[in-house]
Amino acid sequence: MIITDDELLSELEQASKCDAVLEAEVIVTGASVKDKEFDRPANPSLCLIMDAESEMVLKCEMQKPEDDAMISMAEEIVGFILAYGAPKEIRVSNILLEAVLEQICDVCGIKLRRVKSLKAVQGFLRGMREFMAR
């Protein structure tokens, strides 16, 4: 994904900084969701942004079947930057998500790291599995 909107690029370049370290992940839920809006059950994705230190969920958006989850994640990250400032680091575990966020991070001076495991995201998913198993 390449952002070509010069005004947005300028806003991102001039965005304030914050001390946050974020974890960003696109998760395919594996859950079948029935909705009268769609012909067949959907398998929605979640765009999840978490604070790495506190492990607090900052954003969790369920995607519609026609949405591009990677583009939605980029939009969520841009929204975070414009609202709270550019975090000092964003961690991802998916090479595609890393590629999608690369330009945004370069423009804002954010360290983008691909890691094997996202601790906060894994804790969130573990908690959700435990909750659903009750």
Protein backbone atom coordinates (compact mmCIF):
# COMPACT_ATOMS: atom_id res chain seq x y z
CA MET A 1 0.00 0.00 0.00
CA ILE A 2 1.32 3.41 -0.95
CA ILE A 3 -0.23 6.63 0.37
CA THR A 4 -0.32 9.24 -2.39
CA ASP A 5 -2.29 11.94 -0.52
CA ASP A 6 0.35 14.66 -0.03
CA GLU A 7 -1.76 16.46 2.59
CA LEU A 8 -2.07 13.30 4.70
CA LEU A 9 1.63 12.54 4.32
CA SER A 10 2.43 16.06 5.51
CA GLU A 11 0.12 15.66 8.54
CA LEU A 12 1.77 12.35 9.40
CA GLU A 13 5.25 13.81 9.04
CA GLN A 14 4.37 16.67 11.37
CA ALA A 15 2.46 14.53 13.91
CA SER A 16 3.55 14.83 17.51
CA LYS A 17 5.31 11.89 19.13
CA CYS A 18 4.18 9.71 22.03
CA ASP A 19 5.98 7.09 24.11
CA ALA A 20 3.64 4.25 23.24
CA VAL A 21 4.80 0.88 21.97
CA LEU A 22 1.96 -0.72 20.02
CA GLU A 23 1.22 -4.25 18.92
CA ALA A 24 -0.88 -4.49 15.76
CA GLU A 25 -2.43 -7.68 14.43
CA VAL A 26 -5.06 -8.75 11.94
CA ILE A 27 -6.75 -11.87 13.29
CA VAL A 28 -8.99 -14.21 11.30
CA THR A 29 -11.49 -15.31 13.92
CA GLY A 30 -12.35 -18.70 12.49
CA ALA A 31 -15.91 -18.11 13.70
CA SER A 32 -18.87 -18.41 11.40
CA VAL A 33 -21.14 -15.37 11.71
CA LYS A 34 -24.61 -15.40 10.17
CA ASP A 35 -26.12 -12.10 9.11
CA LYS A 36 -29.09 -11.44 6.86
CA GLU A 37 -26.93 -8.85 5.03
CA PHE A 38 -24.79 -11.65 3.54
CA ASP A 39 -25.76 -14.67 1.41
CA ARG A 40 -23.68 -17.08 3.47
CA PRO A 41 -22.00 -17.10 6.88
CA ALA A 42 -18.98 -14.80 7.15
CA ASN A 43 -15.60 -15.46 8.75
CA PRO A 44 -14.71 -11.97 9.97
CA SER A 45 -11.27 -10.58 10.71
CA LEU A 46 -10.40 -8.36 13.66
CA CYS A 47 -8.06 -5.40 13.49
CA LEU A 48 -6.47 -5.28 16.92
CA ILE A 49 -4.20 -2.56 18.30
CA MET A 50 -2.83 -3.01 21.80
CA ASP A 51 -0.48 -1.18 24.12
CA ALA A 52 2.52 -3.50 24.55
CA GLU A 53 3.34 -2.41 28.12
CA SER A 54 -0.09 -2.32 29.76
CA GLU A 55 -1.54 -4.99 27.42
CA MET A 56 -4.63 -2.80 27.12
CA VAL A 57 -6.77 -3.07 23.98
CA LEU A 58 -6.71 0.32 22.28
CA LYS A 59 -8.74 -0.62 19.21
CA CYS A 60 -10.58 -3.73 18.13
CA GLU A 61 -12.60 -3.49 14.94
CA MET A 62 -14.47 -6.39 13.34
CA GLN A 63 -14.27 -6.28 9.57
CA LYS A 64 -17.06 -6.93 7.10
CA PRO A 65 -16.42 -9.64 4.49
CA GLU A 66 -15.90 -7.04 1.75
CA ASP A 67 -13.34 -5.05 3.81
CA ASP A 68 -9.60 -5.32 3.24
CA ALA A 69 -8.38 -5.90 6.80
CA MET A 70 -4.82 -4.76 6.03
CA ILE A 71 -6.02 -1.44 4.63
CA SER A 72 -8.39 -1.06 7.58
CA MET A 73 -5.46 -1.60 9.95
CA ALA A 74 -3.44 1.08 8.15
CA GLU A 75 -6.39 3.47 8.52
CA GLU A 76 -6.63 2.66 12.25
CA ILE A 77 -2.90 3.30 12.75
CA VAL A 78 -3.16 6.62 10.88
CA GLY A 79 -6.14 7.54 13.08
CA PHE A 80 -4.14 6.70 16.22
CA ILE A 81 -1.19 8.81 15.06
CA LEU A 82 -3.36 11.83 14.25
CA ALA A 83 -5.22 11.56 17.57
CA TYR A 84 -2.42 10.65 20.03
CA GLY A 85 0.87 11.14 18.17
CA ALA A 86 3.28 8.75 16.53
CA PRO A 87 4.24 5.86 18.82
CA LYS A 88 7.92 5.14 19.23
CA GLU A 89 7.44 1.56 18.02
CA ILE A 90 4.89 -0.69 16.35
CA ARG A 91 5.32 -4.46 16.58
CA VAL A 92 3.71 -6.85 14.12
CA SER A 93 4.04 -10.58 13.51
CA ASN A 94 2.71 -10.66 9.95
CA ILE A 95 4.99 -9.83 7.01
CA LEU A 96 2.05 -8.47 4.97
CA LEU A 97 1.03 -6.11 7.76
CA GLU A 98 4.65 -5.03 8.08
CA ALA A 99 4.68 -4.14 4.37
CA VAL A 100 1.39 -2.23 4.64
CA LEU A 101 2.61 -0.14 7.59
CA GLU A 102 6.14 0.47 6.30
CA GLN A 103 5.50 3.81 4.56
CA ILE A 104 3.46 5.18 7.47
CA CYS A 105 6.23 4.27 9.91
CA ASP A 106 8.96 5.70 7.67
CA VAL A 107 7.13 9.03 7.29
CA CYS A 108 6.47 9.32 11.03
CA GLY A 109 9.83 8.05 12.25
CA ILE A 110 8.28 5.03 13.98
CA LYS A 111 10.36 1.92 14.57
CA LEU A 112 8.52 -0.98 12.89
CA ARG A 113 9.50 -4.43 14.17
CA ARG A 114 8.33 -7.83 13.00
CA VAL A 115 8.49 -10.27 15.90
CA LYS A 116 7.63 -13.95 16.27
CA SER A 117 5.03 -13.39 18.97
CA LEU A 118 3.04 -10.42 20.20
CA LYS A 119 2.79 -10.85 23.98
CA ALA A 120 -0.18 -8.52 24.55
CA VAL A 121 -2.11 -9.92 21.58
CA GLN A 122 -1.47 -13.50 22.69
CA GLY A 123 -2.68 -12.66 26.20
CA PHE A 124 -5.84 -11.10 24.78
CA LEU A 125 -6.54 -14.14 22.59
CA ARG A 126 -5.90 -16.52 25.49
CA GLY A 127 -8.34 -14.54 27.64
CA MET A 128 -10.98 -14.61 24.90
CA ARG A 129 -10.60 -18.39 24.46
CA GLU A 130 -10.97 -18.89 28.22
CA PHE A 131 -14.03 -16.67 28.30
CA MET A 132 -15.66 -18.46 25.38
CA ALA A 133 -14.93 -21.88 26.90
CA ARG A 134 -17.05 -21.13 29.99
